[in-house]
Structures are given as structure tokens and as C-alpha cells.
Amino acid sequence: MADDATTARRIETGELTPLNEMNPYLQGLYEPVAKETTALDLPVIGEIPKDLYGAFVRNGPNPAHAPSGLHHWFDGDGMVHAIHFENGKAEYRNRYVGTDDYRAEQKGLDIHAGGVLAPSARTNPASGRGDLVYKDTANTDLVFHNGSLMALWYISGKPVRVNARTLETIGNETFGGALPRHVSAHGKVDPRTGEFCFFDYSLYEPWMTFGVVDANNNLTNFQKVDLPGPRLPHDMGLTENYIILHDLPVVFTEAGLRNSMWQIKVADQPARFGVVPKNGTGDQVRWFETDTCYIYHVANCWEDGDEVVMTACMMTPNGYPPNPAYGPYASMVNVLALNAVPVEWRMNMVTGQVKKRQLDDRVGEFPVVNLDYTGRKTNWSYHVAMAPQELQRFSGLIKYDLNTGAAKTHEFAPGVGGSEPAFAPRVGAVDEDDGYVIVFTTDEATGQSEVQVLGAKDFETGPIARIPLPARVPAGFHGTWAPGGQIAA
């Protein structure tokens, strides 16, 4: 947490209310930044490779206004941070995602009035906006498709197009007015076809949907899938021919459904993975049952003979009891202390059997692969390592061999927190691992942020380039790589 003097200053200036003084996810590594920054031709420690061309962009929550009530880390307005590489030089920018709700607040409109919105997505949902129950922040993920980014929200909301170079908001994406509802975070782009495949779900109704958008931004398929009850899926899988949906045993309580509140529990029921042709219908989903588990993030999926293979991070208990020192935020802190291990599931499309293999017992999450290999066999996956502490902190990176489970590591300096990395293929790359791993890091004690560039094939030797940044990058969520030659003007 921040030092006492900093906390006192932020309370005096109204940046922190006394209630949120106890909220560690508004302080330290998580403290929001106050302004948008553009910095060109940044200084470099080491040397940026000339064959590194494109942008690493990362999304995350950054409240534009001081929260007045209970505040969950997930509630902050979306802010994108980007480092753009070209000809051995680097540029940094950060910008808010211009969602409808963000723009309304910036105009001084009281979006909390009349039951329109709640100050916290977790504590007091509203009922005046139909199926947009909570404030739509687009703060979770970024997908590069059709020349620009889409900022996405994990509860399912309106996709927001963002320029991958300038980070300026282009506007809401409706795929030519054809989008029937919403898009959740963690859609996937098929690198062979340019198709964007996505899912959507309802918080309080027993169904989910999946859809496909072609390379020219035309919605070509959208299907509803009936479920036994409301679910909270977080991710999906994609292979060359299939979408993989998640029906996981995290469900709303009956009291939660009656009151439209976030009250969830882990049910004593199997996890199910639904394999469906990309251009199939909702009734073509083939469900595979496996051990009870929850999955936040998928690394990659592919087809191997009769089997559909999915590699992902499977949640395990973190072992921490709620800490009363965090007051009303004890439960939030406990849930956010993610513990997960890498696991491979193989679903046999002929026999209906599922085989499960744990690759390692190290705790890690936020897996990424070379996106040029999305949907086909990958040998490598890059994960963040989780520090063994109550407050979530990414303390390093892990490179996994997905065939054997063998791992190489890169640890950040003590007290430094990182982010989900991205794999950047080298210009002229000849194989899957021919490129660079890029990550934002921040020193909690000094507030100094930097970008680290690691050679993927020489992962353990440390950064070949470090770029100190003129602005702090708070801890956040997901990002992606936007290839330089494909970014639209």
C-alpha cells in the first residue's frame, strides 16, 4: 500500500475518500494516473531491434473520477497504454477508452441519477438500461482486427474501436449495425482468415451466444446456446474449425438472481466445454464434461487428429483467508489473489472422452502465445508469475514448453510489478518463437515504469532493451500485439 503521507494527501485532495483509504486497489501499483500522455523518441537502455515493428497495447481500469462509494478494481474506466516500435525507436501513449458512459461523465452528466448506473459494478446494479445493467467501461481486453483495436469488457458490453497508433477512440463497433447484442472480452482472431470470433452471455438468464465477424467486418454468424442456468464464463477457445465455449460451475445464488446482485458460488457440478463449428448453429454444440474447475484464461487451442486440444490456466485455492485489515474490501482482495496452474484438456470428437494433463505446479496466469499461431499447434506459451502475497502482483514471466511442461523464467526486480506480456514476431520471422516478448513494469516504491523487451529464444538472459517511461503505468488487465504494417491510419 502507499505510504501514509501519500494516502493523507490523496484524502485531502479528494482523490481518496475515507472509505476507499482501506482499498489497496486504489493505491501503490494500482493507483490510477491523472492524465493522458504522449512521449516520442523515448530514451533506451540497451538497443531496440530494428526488426521490431508494431505496437504493444494494454488495457486496464483507471477511474477518471474519485470513487465515492465502495469501489472494485474491475470498475475503473478503461485506459489503454501503448508502446510503438519502429526503426529502433519507441513512442509511448496512454488514452481513456471513449465509451458512451465515459463520455457522458466527462460532459458532467449525472449518469448515476434515476437508477441509470451504479457507482460500483459489484454493489448496486441499476435497472434502467435493459441488459446494460452495469457501467460499461471496455476496460478488460484489446483485440486487433481489421486494422484497428477493439476494447472489450468482460461482463459483455459494446465493443469500442480504437486507433492502434494514436489510441484515439473511433467509436462503438456494431459490425454495420448487425450486432444483435453485446461482445464479451477474450474474443479471438483467426490469423488465417482474419475472422473475429466472440461470445456473449447474460448475467441472469440461462443462455450464451457466439458469433463470427469476417475480415471485412461483416457479421457472418450469430447463435444462441441454451444453458442449464445463468453462468459467468470468462474466456473461450478457437481452433481452425471450432469455437470452444465454457459452461463452468460458477453460478448465481437464488438470492442473487432475485435481487440482481453479485452473489455467486461454486456449484458441485462438472465443468463443461462446448465444441461447435465456427459457422454452426446453437444446437450443434457438443458438450464434454470434466472435473469441476474454473478457468479465467485460455492460452491456445488446436485440432490434433480426432482431438480438440485446449491449454488454459486452471484455478486452484490461494490458501489465504480474508484479511479483516482491508475492511469491506477483504473479500475482494481474497478473490483477486489468483492461483492457477497450466493444464491441457483433450476432447475426443469420436469417443466423447476428455483427457486432462497438468503441465506444471507453478502459479501463473494471463497466458499469451504468438498470435500468428492462434488456433493451431503452439509449442510455447508465456505467463505472468504470481507473487506469493495477498495483493495480486505479477512478479515475473514464465515461458512454458506446452509439450513437456518445462519452463524458463524471468523475474522482475524486488518490489516491481508487471503486466500481461505480448509476443511480437520479428519482421521476417521463420518460426513460432522467432521474436520478442514485451512487458510493462512498475516499481511500487518509486512509481517508475518501463517497458522491457526480451528475446524469446534467449528468454532467461534478461531484457535486450529497457525503455523508461515518463508516466506511471498502473497494474492492469490484458493486451495484444498490433503488427506495424497492418495498423490503419
Protein backbone atom coordinates (compact mmCIF):
# COMPACT_ATOMS: atom_id res chain seq x y z
CA MET A 1 0.00 0.00 0.00
CA ALA A 2 1.06 3.61 -0.43
CA ASP A 3 2.91 5.39 2.36
CA ASP A 4 0.91 7.33 4.97
CA ALA A 5 1.87 10.77 3.60
CA THR A 6 0.71 9.90 0.08
CA THR A 7 -2.54 8.46 1.38
CA ALA A 8 -3.17 11.56 3.53
CA ARG A 9 -2.56 13.85 0.55
CA ARG A 10 -4.95 11.89 -1.64
CA ILE A 11 -7.66 12.03 1.02
CA GLU A 12 -7.17 15.80 1.48
CA THR A 13 -7.42 16.45 -2.27
CA GLY A 14 -10.46 14.22 -2.66
CA GLU A 15 -8.67 11.52 -4.67
CA LEU A 16 -9.41 9.04 -1.89
CA THR A 17 -12.47 9.02 0.33
CA PRO A 18 -12.03 7.70 3.90
CA LEU A 19 -13.97 4.60 2.78
CA ASN A 20 -11.50 3.93 -0.03
CA GLU A 21 -8.48 4.60 2.16
CA MET A 22 -8.81 0.90 3.01
CA ASN A 23 -8.97 -0.11 -0.66
CA PRO A 24 -5.49 -1.34 -1.69
CA TYR A 25 -6.56 -1.48 -5.35
CA LEU A 26 -6.61 2.33 -5.49
CA GLN A 27 -3.06 2.67 -4.15
CA GLY A 28 0.50 1.58 -4.86
CA LEU A 29 0.80 -0.39 -8.08
CA TYR A 30 -2.91 0.10 -8.74
CA GLU A 31 -3.22 3.86 -8.16
CA PRO A 32 -4.82 5.45 -11.24
CA VAL A 33 -2.88 8.00 -13.27
CA ALA A 34 -4.25 11.53 -13.54
CA LYS A 35 -3.58 12.44 -17.17
CA GLU A 36 -3.10 11.23 -20.71
CA THR A 37 0.47 11.39 -22.03
CA THR A 38 2.24 11.33 -25.39
CA ALA A 39 6.02 10.83 -25.42
CA LEU A 40 8.01 10.45 -28.66
CA ASP A 41 11.53 9.14 -29.30
CA LEU A 42 11.99 7.69 -25.82
CA PRO A 43 15.39 7.00 -24.22
CA VAL A 44 16.55 3.40 -24.38
CA ILE A 45 18.76 1.31 -22.13
CA GLY A 46 20.29 -1.24 -24.46
CA GLU A 47 19.09 -1.34 -28.06
CA ILE A 48 15.66 -1.78 -29.66
CA PRO A 49 15.96 -4.28 -32.52
CA LYS A 50 15.34 -2.77 -35.96
CA ASP A 51 13.13 -5.78 -36.84
CA LEU A 52 10.67 -4.97 -34.03
CA TYR A 53 7.83 -3.08 -35.73
CA GLY A 54 4.37 -2.51 -34.28
CA ALA A 55 2.59 -1.65 -31.05
CA PHE A 56 2.18 -3.43 -27.74
CA VAL A 57 -1.09 -2.18 -26.26
CA ARG A 58 -2.54 -2.98 -22.85
CA ASN A 59 -5.92 -2.20 -21.29
CA GLY A 60 -6.89 -1.75 -17.66
CA PRO A 61 -9.08 0.09 -15.12
CA ASN A 62 -8.31 3.73 -14.35
CA PRO A 63 -11.11 5.70 -12.62
CA ALA A 64 -11.44 9.13 -14.21
CA HIS A 65 -13.22 10.41 -11.09
CA ALA A 66 -12.55 9.61 -7.45
CA PRO A 67 -14.91 6.81 -6.39
CA SER A 68 -17.33 7.99 -3.71
CA GLY A 69 -18.65 4.61 -2.62
CA LEU A 70 -17.35 1.07 -2.45
CA HIS A 71 -15.04 0.54 -5.38
CA HIS A 72 -13.96 -2.71 -7.00
CA TRP A 73 -10.72 -2.80 -9.01
CA PHE A 74 -12.69 -4.01 -12.04
CA ASP A 75 -14.90 -0.89 -12.01
CA GLY A 76 -12.42 1.70 -13.31
CA ASP A 77 -12.77 3.42 -16.67
CA GLY A 78 -10.83 1.72 -19.45
CA MET A 79 -7.42 3.17 -20.20
CA VAL A 80 -5.08 1.88 -22.90
CA HIS A 81 -1.29 2.14 -22.63
CA ALA A 82 0.82 1.60 -25.75
CA ILE A 83 4.45 1.41 -26.79
CA HIS A 84 5.02 1.70 -30.55
CA PHE A 85 8.28 0.46 -32.09
CA GLU A 86 9.70 1.44 -35.47
CA ASN A 87 13.26 1.73 -36.82
CA GLY A 88 14.82 1.13 -33.41
CA LYS A 89 12.80 3.92 -31.73
CA ALA A 90 9.84 3.87 -29.35
CA GLU A 91 6.82 6.08 -28.61
CA TYR A 92 4.51 5.90 -25.57
CA ARG A 93 0.87 6.96 -25.28
CA ASN A 94 -1.99 6.40 -22.88
CA ARG A 95 -5.63 7.28 -23.53
CA TYR A 96 -9.03 6.64 -21.97
CA VAL A 97 -11.38 4.44 -23.95
CA GLY A 98 -14.23 6.70 -25.03
CA THR A 99 -17.19 4.54 -24.07
CA ASP A 100 -20.65 6.10 -24.01
CA ASP A 101 -20.57 6.15 -20.21
CA TYR A 102 -17.10 7.71 -20.02
CA ARG A 103 -18.07 10.46 -22.48
CA ALA A 104 -21.28 11.17 -20.56
CA GLU A 105 -19.38 11.58 -17.29
CA GLN A 106 -16.79 13.83 -18.94
CA LYS A 107 -19.62 16.09 -20.10
CA GLY A 108 -20.75 16.42 -16.48
CA LEU A 109 -23.87 14.30 -16.87
CA ASP A 110 -25.05 12.59 -13.70
CA ILE A 111 -25.11 9.04 -15.04
CA HIS A 112 -25.83 7.69 -11.55
CA ALA A 113 -29.14 9.51 -11.28
CA GLY A 114 -32.51 7.86 -11.77
CA GLY A 115 -31.22 4.33 -11.48
CA VAL A 116 -29.24 4.68 -14.69
CA LEU A 117 -25.91 3.48 -13.35
CA ALA A 118 -24.35 2.29 -10.13
CA PRO A 119 -21.05 3.60 -8.75
CA SER A 120 -19.77 0.02 -8.47
CA ALA A 121 -20.41 -2.89 -10.76
CA ARG A 122 -20.42 -5.21 -7.78
CA THR A 123 -22.59 -3.49 -5.21
CA ASN A 124 -25.65 -1.82 -6.68
CA PRO A 125 -26.62 -2.63 -10.25
CA ALA A 126 -29.22 -0.47 -11.95
CA SER A 127 -32.28 -1.50 -13.89
CA GLY A 128 -32.94 1.47 -16.14
CA ARG A 129 -30.82 0.42 -19.16
CA GLY A 130 -32.15 -3.01 -20.10
CA ASP A 131 -29.38 -5.58 -20.36
CA LEU A 132 -26.64 -2.97 -19.78
CA VAL A 133 -27.04 -3.29 -16.03
CA TYR A 134 -23.61 -2.01 -15.03
CA LYS A 135 -21.35 0.81 -16.13
CA ASP A 136 -19.80 -0.32 -19.42
CA THR A 137 -16.09 0.51 -19.17
CA ALA A 138 -14.45 -1.51 -22.00
CA ASN A 139 -11.52 -1.91 -19.60
CA THR A 140 -10.68 -5.61 -19.92
CA ASP A 141 -9.18 -6.71 -23.22
CA LEU A 142 -7.91 -5.50 -26.59
CA VAL A 143 -8.23 -7.37 -29.89
CA PHE A 144 -6.56 -6.28 -33.13
CA HIS A 145 -8.94 -6.84 -36.07
CA ASN A 146 -9.49 -5.19 -39.44
CA GLY A 147 -6.64 -2.71 -38.92
CA SER A 148 -7.60 -1.32 -35.50
CA LEU A 149 -8.21 -2.32 -31.91
CA MET A 150 -11.44 -3.28 -30.19
CA ALA A 151 -11.61 -2.54 -26.46
CA LEU A 152 -13.79 -5.16 -24.78
CA TRP A 153 -15.45 -5.63 -21.39
CA TYR A 154 -15.68 -8.91 -19.51
CA ILE A 155 -19.36 -8.60 -18.41
CA SER A 156 -20.25 -8.19 -22.12
CA GLY A 157 -20.79 -4.70 -23.48
CA LYS A 158 -20.33 -2.53 -26.52
CA PRO A 159 -17.06 -3.06 -28.40
CA VAL A 160 -15.21 0.23 -28.85
CA ARG A 161 -12.89 0.76 -31.83
CA VAL A 162 -9.54 2.43 -31.01
CA ASN A 163 -6.76 3.55 -33.35
CA ALA A 164 -3.80 1.27 -32.64
CA ARG A 165 -1.22 4.02 -33.25
CA THR A 166 -2.79 7.14 -31.71
CA LEU A 167 -5.12 5.35 -29.23
CA GLU A 168 -7.87 7.83 -30.10
CA THR A 169 -11.36 6.36 -29.84
CA ILE A 170 -13.04 5.75 -33.19
CA GLY A 171 -16.45 4.79 -31.83
CA ASN A 172 -18.73 1.91 -30.90
CA GLU A 173 -18.49 -1.14 -33.15
CA THR A 174 -21.76 -2.72 -34.31
CA PHE A 175 -20.44 -4.55 -37.41
CA GLY A 176 -22.51 -2.46 -39.77
CA GLY A 177 -25.50 -2.43 -37.41
CA ALA A 178 -25.75 -6.24 -37.49
CA LEU A 179 -24.58 -6.98 -33.92
CA PRO A 180 -27.69 -8.30 -32.09
CA ARG A 181 -26.43 -7.71 -28.56
CA HIS A 182 -23.00 -7.47 -26.94
CA VAL A 183 -19.46 -8.85 -27.05
CA SER A 184 -17.56 -10.16 -24.05
CA ALA A 185 -13.82 -9.89 -23.53
CA HIS A 186 -11.45 -12.55 -24.88
CA GLY A 187 -12.74 -13.00 -28.38
CA LYS A 188 -10.15 -14.45 -30.78
CA VAL A 189 -8.93 -13.52 -34.25
CA ASP A 190 -8.18 -16.34 -36.70
CA PRO A 191 -4.87 -15.31 -38.33
CA ARG A 192 -5.56 -17.38 -41.47
CA THR A 193 -8.97 -15.93 -42.29
CA GLY A 194 -8.97 -12.63 -40.38
CA GLU A 195 -12.23 -13.65 -38.69
CA PHE A 196 -13.07 -12.31 -35.23
CA CYS A 197 -14.84 -14.98 -33.15
CA PHE A 198 -16.56 -13.93 -29.94
CA PHE A 199 -19.08 -14.85 -27.27
CA ASP A 200 -21.65 -13.07 -25.14
CA TYR A 201 -23.65 -14.09 -22.08
CA SER A 202 -26.47 -12.96 -19.85
CA LEU A 203 -25.85 -12.42 -16.15
CA TYR A 204 -29.28 -13.57 -15.05
CA GLU A 205 -30.68 -15.73 -17.87
CA PRO A 206 -29.80 -19.32 -18.91
CA TRP A 207 -28.06 -18.81 -22.23
CA MET A 208 -24.96 -17.55 -24.02
CA THR A 209 -24.19 -16.73 -27.64
CA PHE A 210 -21.30 -16.98 -30.08
CA GLY A 211 -20.59 -15.09 -33.27
CA VAL A 212 -18.18 -14.68 -36.19
CA VAL A 213 -17.16 -11.46 -37.97
CA ASP A 214 -15.19 -11.75 -41.20
CA ALA A 215 -12.02 -9.89 -42.15
CA ASN A 216 -14.10 -7.12 -43.75
CA ASN A 217 -16.07 -6.52 -40.53
CA ASN A 218 -19.25 -8.30 -41.63
CA LEU A 219 -21.15 -10.39 -39.07
CA THR A 220 -21.47 -13.81 -40.71
CA ASN A 221 -22.82 -15.94 -37.86
CA PHE A 222 -24.53 -15.32 -34.51
CA GLN A 223 -26.09 -18.14 -32.49
CA LYS A 224 -27.80 -18.60 -29.14
CA VAL A 225 -26.87 -21.55 -26.89
CA ASP A 226 -29.21 -22.67 -24.12
CA LEU A 227 -27.64 -23.44 -20.73
CA PRO A 228 -28.94 -25.17 -17.58
CA GLY A 229 -28.79 -21.82 -15.77
CA PRO A 230 -27.05 -18.40 -15.78
CA ARG A 231 -23.27 -18.70 -15.94
CA LEU A 232 -20.19 -16.47 -15.65
CA PRO A 233 -17.85 -17.61 -18.46
CA HIS A 234 -14.72 -15.52 -18.88
CA ASP A 235 -12.94 -16.87 -21.96
CA MET A 236 -13.36 -19.13 -24.99
CA GLY A 237 -11.21 -21.21 -27.30
CA LEU A 238 -10.69 -21.18 -31.05
CA THR A 239 -9.28 -23.75 -33.46
CA GLU A 240 -9.19 -23.79 -37.26
CA ASN A 241 -12.74 -25.19 -37.42
CA TYR A 242 -14.25 -24.88 -33.93
CA ILE A 243 -15.21 -22.46 -31.19
CA ILE A 244 -14.92 -23.81 -27.63
CA LEU A 245 -17.44 -22.43 -25.12
CA HIS A 246 -17.20 -22.71 -21.33
CA ASP A 247 -20.04 -23.81 -19.04
CA LEU A 248 -18.27 -23.66 -15.68
CA PRO A 249 -19.72 -24.34 -12.22
CA VAL A 250 -19.76 -20.73 -11.03
CA VAL A 251 -23.39 -19.72 -10.67
CA PHE A 252 -25.52 -17.01 -9.10
CA THR A 253 -27.32 -17.80 -5.87
CA GLU A 254 -31.12 -17.70 -5.86
CA ALA A 255 -30.98 -14.61 -3.65
CA GLY A 256 -28.62 -13.00 -6.14
CA LEU A 257 -31.00 -13.68 -9.01
CA ARG A 258 -33.96 -12.26 -7.10
CA ASN A 259 -32.06 -9.08 -6.23
CA SER A 260 -29.93 -8.78 -9.38
CA MET A 261 -26.85 -8.67 -7.17
CA TRP A 262 -23.40 -10.24 -7.41
CA GLN A 263 -23.81 -13.26 -5.14
CA ILE A 264 -22.10 -16.27 -6.66
CA LYS A 265 -20.93 -19.68 -5.54
CA VAL A 266 -19.00 -22.63 -6.89
CA ALA A 267 -21.50 -25.39 -7.55
CA ASP A 268 -20.85 -29.10 -7.06
CA GLN A 269 -21.18 -29.96 -10.74
CA PRO A 270 -18.85 -30.82 -13.62
CA ALA A 271 -17.24 -28.26 -15.85
CA ARG A 272 -18.35 -28.48 -19.47
CA PHE A 273 -16.61 -27.45 -22.67
CA GLY A 274 -18.83 -26.91 -25.70
CA VAL A 275 -17.22 -27.58 -29.08
CA VAL A 276 -19.16 -26.11 -32.01
CA PRO A 277 -18.27 -25.43 -35.66
CA LYS A 278 -17.42 -21.75 -36.21
CA ASN A 279 -20.25 -21.46 -38.71
CA GLY A 280 -22.51 -23.91 -36.88
CA THR A 281 -25.75 -23.40 -35.01
CA GLY A 282 -26.51 -23.32 -31.30
CA ASP A 283 -27.93 -26.82 -31.29
CA GLN A 284 -24.72 -28.22 -32.80
CA VAL A 285 -22.70 -27.62 -29.63
CA ARG A 286 -21.14 -30.85 -28.39
CA TRP A 287 -20.59 -30.77 -24.63
CA PHE A 288 -17.67 -32.51 -22.92
CA GLU A 289 -17.84 -32.95 -19.14
CA THR A 290 -14.74 -32.87 -16.97
CA ASP A 291 -13.71 -32.27 -13.34
CA THR A 292 -15.18 -29.30 -11.50
CA CYS A 293 -12.95 -26.27 -12.11
CA TYR A 294 -12.93 -22.64 -13.11
CA ILE A 295 -10.89 -21.09 -15.93
CA TYR A 296 -10.23 -17.42 -16.40
CA HIS A 297 -7.87 -17.54 -19.37
CA VAL A 298 -7.11 -19.82 -22.30
CA ALA A 299 -3.60 -19.96 -23.77
CA ASN A 300 -4.43 -21.60 -27.12
CA CYS A 301 -6.44 -24.38 -28.77
CA TRP A 302 -5.90 -26.57 -31.82
CA GLU A 303 -7.01 -29.77 -33.53
CA ASP A 304 -4.90 -32.96 -33.30
CA GLY A 305 -6.44 -35.84 -35.26
CA ASP A 306 -9.74 -36.75 -33.60
CA GLU A 307 -9.00 -34.48 -30.62
CA VAL A 308 -9.67 -30.83 -29.92
CA VAL A 309 -6.95 -29.58 -27.57
CA MET A 310 -7.28 -26.65 -25.14
CA THR A 311 -4.49 -25.30 -22.94
CA ALA A 312 -5.54 -22.91 -20.18
CA CYS A 313 -4.88 -21.81 -16.60
CA MET A 314 -6.99 -23.78 -14.11
CA MET A 315 -7.82 -22.03 -10.87
CA THR A 316 -6.71 -23.54 -7.55
CA PRO A 317 -7.35 -22.31 -3.96
CA ASN A 318 -4.99 -19.50 -2.95
CA GLY A 319 -4.92 -20.53 0.70
CA TYR A 320 -5.44 -17.02 2.04
CA PRO A 321 -8.27 -16.30 4.49
CA PRO A 322 -9.97 -12.90 4.08
CA ASN A 323 -7.90 -10.28 5.92
CA PRO A 324 -10.05 -8.02 8.16
CA ALA A 325 -7.40 -5.28 7.84
CA TYR A 326 -8.95 -4.48 4.45
CA GLY A 327 -12.36 -3.87 6.00
CA PRO A 328 -15.15 -4.07 3.39
CA TYR A 329 -12.55 -4.97 0.76
CA ALA A 330 -11.35 -8.18 2.45
CA SER A 331 -13.41 -10.40 0.18
CA MET A 332 -12.30 -8.56 -2.98
CA VAL A 333 -8.63 -8.84 -2.02
CA ASN A 334 -9.04 -12.55 -1.33
CA VAL A 335 -10.76 -13.31 -4.64
CA LEU A 336 -8.21 -11.29 -6.62
CA ALA A 337 -5.28 -13.31 -5.27
CA LEU A 338 -5.33 -15.56 -8.32
CA ASN A 339 -3.83 -19.04 -8.11
CA ALA A 340 -3.78 -21.05 -11.30
CA VAL A 341 -1.72 -23.77 -12.95
CA PRO A 342 -1.32 -24.64 -16.66
CA VAL A 343 -3.49 -27.57 -17.80
CA GLU A 344 -4.16 -29.28 -21.12
CA TRP A 345 -7.55 -30.81 -21.97
CA ARG A 346 -8.04 -33.13 -24.95
CA MET A 347 -11.61 -33.67 -26.16
CA ASN A 348 -12.04 -36.67 -28.48
CA MET A 349 -14.67 -35.88 -31.09
CA VAL A 350 -15.14 -39.59 -31.87
CA THR A 351 -15.28 -41.21 -28.42
CA GLY A 352 -16.55 -38.24 -26.39
CA GLN A 353 -13.78 -38.74 -23.82
CA VAL A 354 -11.80 -35.95 -22.13
CA LYS A 355 -8.16 -36.31 -21.07
CA LYS A 356 -6.69 -33.80 -18.63
CA ARG A 357 -2.96 -33.17 -18.07
CA GLN A 358 -1.45 -30.65 -15.65
CA LEU A 359 1.71 -29.21 -17.15
CA ASP A 360 3.28 -27.67 -14.04
CA ASP A 361 2.53 -26.76 -10.43
CA ARG A 362 3.91 -23.23 -10.53
CA VAL A 363 1.35 -20.48 -10.02
CA GLY A 364 0.83 -18.25 -13.05
CA GLU A 365 -1.85 -16.67 -15.19
CA PHE A 366 -2.57 -14.30 -18.11
CA PRO A 367 -1.12 -16.64 -20.78
CA VAL A 368 -0.20 -15.39 -24.26
CA VAL A 369 1.11 -17.02 -27.42
CA ASN A 370 2.35 -15.89 -30.81
CA LEU A 371 -0.99 -14.70 -32.22
CA ASP A 372 0.03 -15.80 -35.72
CA TYR A 373 -0.46 -19.34 -34.37
CA THR A 374 -3.86 -18.81 -32.75
CA GLY A 375 -5.99 -21.90 -33.37
CA ARG A 376 -3.17 -24.18 -34.38
CA LYS A 377 -0.50 -26.13 -32.53
CA THR A 378 1.78 -23.97 -30.42
CA ASN A 379 4.87 -25.12 -28.58
CA TRP A 380 5.30 -22.06 -26.37
CA SER A 381 3.17 -20.00 -24.02
CA TYR A 382 4.14 -17.00 -21.89
CA HIS A 383 2.51 -16.48 -18.49
CA VAL A 384 2.90 -13.99 -15.65
CA ALA A 385 4.25 -15.40 -12.40
CA MET A 386 2.16 -14.51 -9.36
CA ALA A 387 3.92 -13.25 -6.23
CA PRO A 388 3.06 -15.30 -3.10
CA GLN A 389 1.16 -12.50 -1.39
CA GLU A 390 -2.40 -11.34 -0.69
CA LEU A 391 -2.37 -8.42 -3.10
CA GLN A 392 -2.17 -9.58 -6.70
CA ARG A 393 1.24 -8.74 -8.18
CA PHE A 394 2.85 -10.10 -11.31
CA SER A 395 6.43 -10.72 -10.17
CA GLY A 396 7.90 -12.12 -13.39
CA LEU A 397 7.29 -14.12 -16.55
CA ILE A 398 7.25 -17.86 -17.24
CA LYS A 399 7.91 -19.38 -20.67
CA TYR A 400 6.31 -22.82 -20.98
CA ASP A 401 7.07 -25.65 -23.34
CA LEU A 402 3.49 -26.86 -23.88
CA ASN A 403 4.71 -30.29 -24.95
CA THR A 404 6.65 -31.16 -21.79
CA GLY A 405 5.66 -28.53 -19.22
CA ALA A 406 9.30 -27.44 -18.90
CA ALA A 407 9.66 -23.77 -18.03
CA LYS A 408 12.10 -20.88 -18.17
CA THR A 409 11.64 -17.78 -16.01
CA HIS A 410 12.36 -14.07 -15.99
CA GLU A 411 11.98 -12.46 -12.56
CA PHE A 412 11.38 -8.75 -12.17
CA ALA A 413 13.38 -6.80 -9.57
CA PRO A 414 12.08 -6.94 -5.97
CA GLY A 415 9.03 -4.71 -5.49
CA VAL A 416 8.38 -4.44 -9.23
CA GLY A 417 5.04 -5.48 -10.70
CA GLY A 418 4.49 -6.37 -14.32
CA SER A 419 1.60 -6.92 -16.69
CA GLU A 420 0.37 -9.44 -19.19
CA PRO A 421 3.08 -9.56 -21.88
CA ALA A 422 2.74 -9.80 -25.64
CA PHE A 423 4.69 -11.80 -28.18
CA ALA A 424 5.93 -9.69 -31.10
CA PRO A 425 7.06 -11.71 -34.13
CA ARG A 426 10.30 -10.47 -35.62
CA VAL A 427 9.90 -8.91 -39.06
CA GLY A 428 10.74 -11.82 -41.36
CA ALA A 429 10.22 -14.43 -38.61
CA VAL A 430 10.83 -18.04 -39.71
CA ASP A 431 9.25 -19.98 -36.84
CA GLU A 432 6.84 -19.68 -33.92
CA ASP A 433 9.37 -18.45 -31.37
CA ASP A 434 11.26 -16.06 -33.64
CA GLY A 435 10.52 -12.75 -31.98
CA TYR A 436 10.32 -10.74 -28.79
CA VAL A 437 8.39 -10.72 -25.51
CA ILE A 438 7.34 -7.26 -24.36
CA VAL A 439 6.02 -6.21 -20.95
CA PHE A 440 5.23 -3.07 -18.92
CA THR A 441 6.68 -2.98 -15.41
CA THR A 442 6.34 -0.54 -12.49
CA ASP A 443 8.43 -0.14 -9.36
CA GLU A 444 5.98 0.21 -6.46
CA ALA A 445 8.42 2.21 -4.29
CA THR A 446 9.41 4.81 -6.89
CA GLY A 447 6.44 4.72 -9.28
CA GLN A 448 8.88 4.45 -12.21
CA SER A 449 7.52 2.45 -15.14
CA GLU A 450 9.40 0.98 -18.06
CA VAL A 451 8.99 -1.37 -20.99
CA GLN A 452 11.17 -4.46 -21.14
CA VAL A 453 11.95 -6.23 -24.42
CA LEU A 454 13.18 -9.81 -24.15
CA GLY A 455 14.41 -12.09 -26.91
CA ALA A 456 12.04 -15.05 -27.00
CA LYS A 457 14.76 -17.56 -27.84
CA ASP A 458 17.09 -16.17 -25.13
CA PHE A 459 14.40 -15.65 -22.54
CA GLU A 460 16.47 -16.17 -19.40
CA THR A 461 19.21 -13.71 -20.34
CA GLY A 462 17.01 -10.74 -19.46
CA PRO A 463 15.94 -7.64 -21.39
CA ILE A 464 17.83 -6.66 -24.53
CA ALA A 465 16.17 -3.23 -24.24
CA ARG A 466 14.57 -1.25 -21.44
CA ILE A 467 12.59 1.90 -22.16
CA PRO A 468 11.98 4.16 -19.12
CA LEU A 469 8.61 5.86 -19.41
CA PRO A 470 7.70 9.45 -18.45
CA ALA A 471 4.40 8.28 -16.93
CA ARG A 472 3.46 5.58 -14.47
CA VAL A 473 1.59 2.53 -15.81
CA PRO A 474 -0.74 1.12 -13.13
CA ALA A 475 -1.32 -2.61 -12.88
CA GLY A 476 -4.00 -3.66 -15.32
CA PHE A 477 -5.50 -6.41 -17.40
CA HIS A 478 -4.98 -7.64 -20.96
CA GLY A 479 -3.20 -6.51 -24.07
CA THR A 480 -2.19 -7.54 -27.55
CA TRP A 481 0.33 -7.01 -30.32
CA ALA A 482 -0.61 -4.90 -33.35
CA PRO A 483 1.76 -5.57 -36.30
CA GLY A 484 3.17 -2.33 -37.72
CA GLY A 485 2.37 -2.98 -41.33
CA GLN A 486 -1.29 -3.75 -40.57
CA ILE A 487 -2.23 -0.71 -38.44
CA ALA A 488 -4.74 1.50 -40.21
CA ALA A 489 -4.00 5.22 -40.36
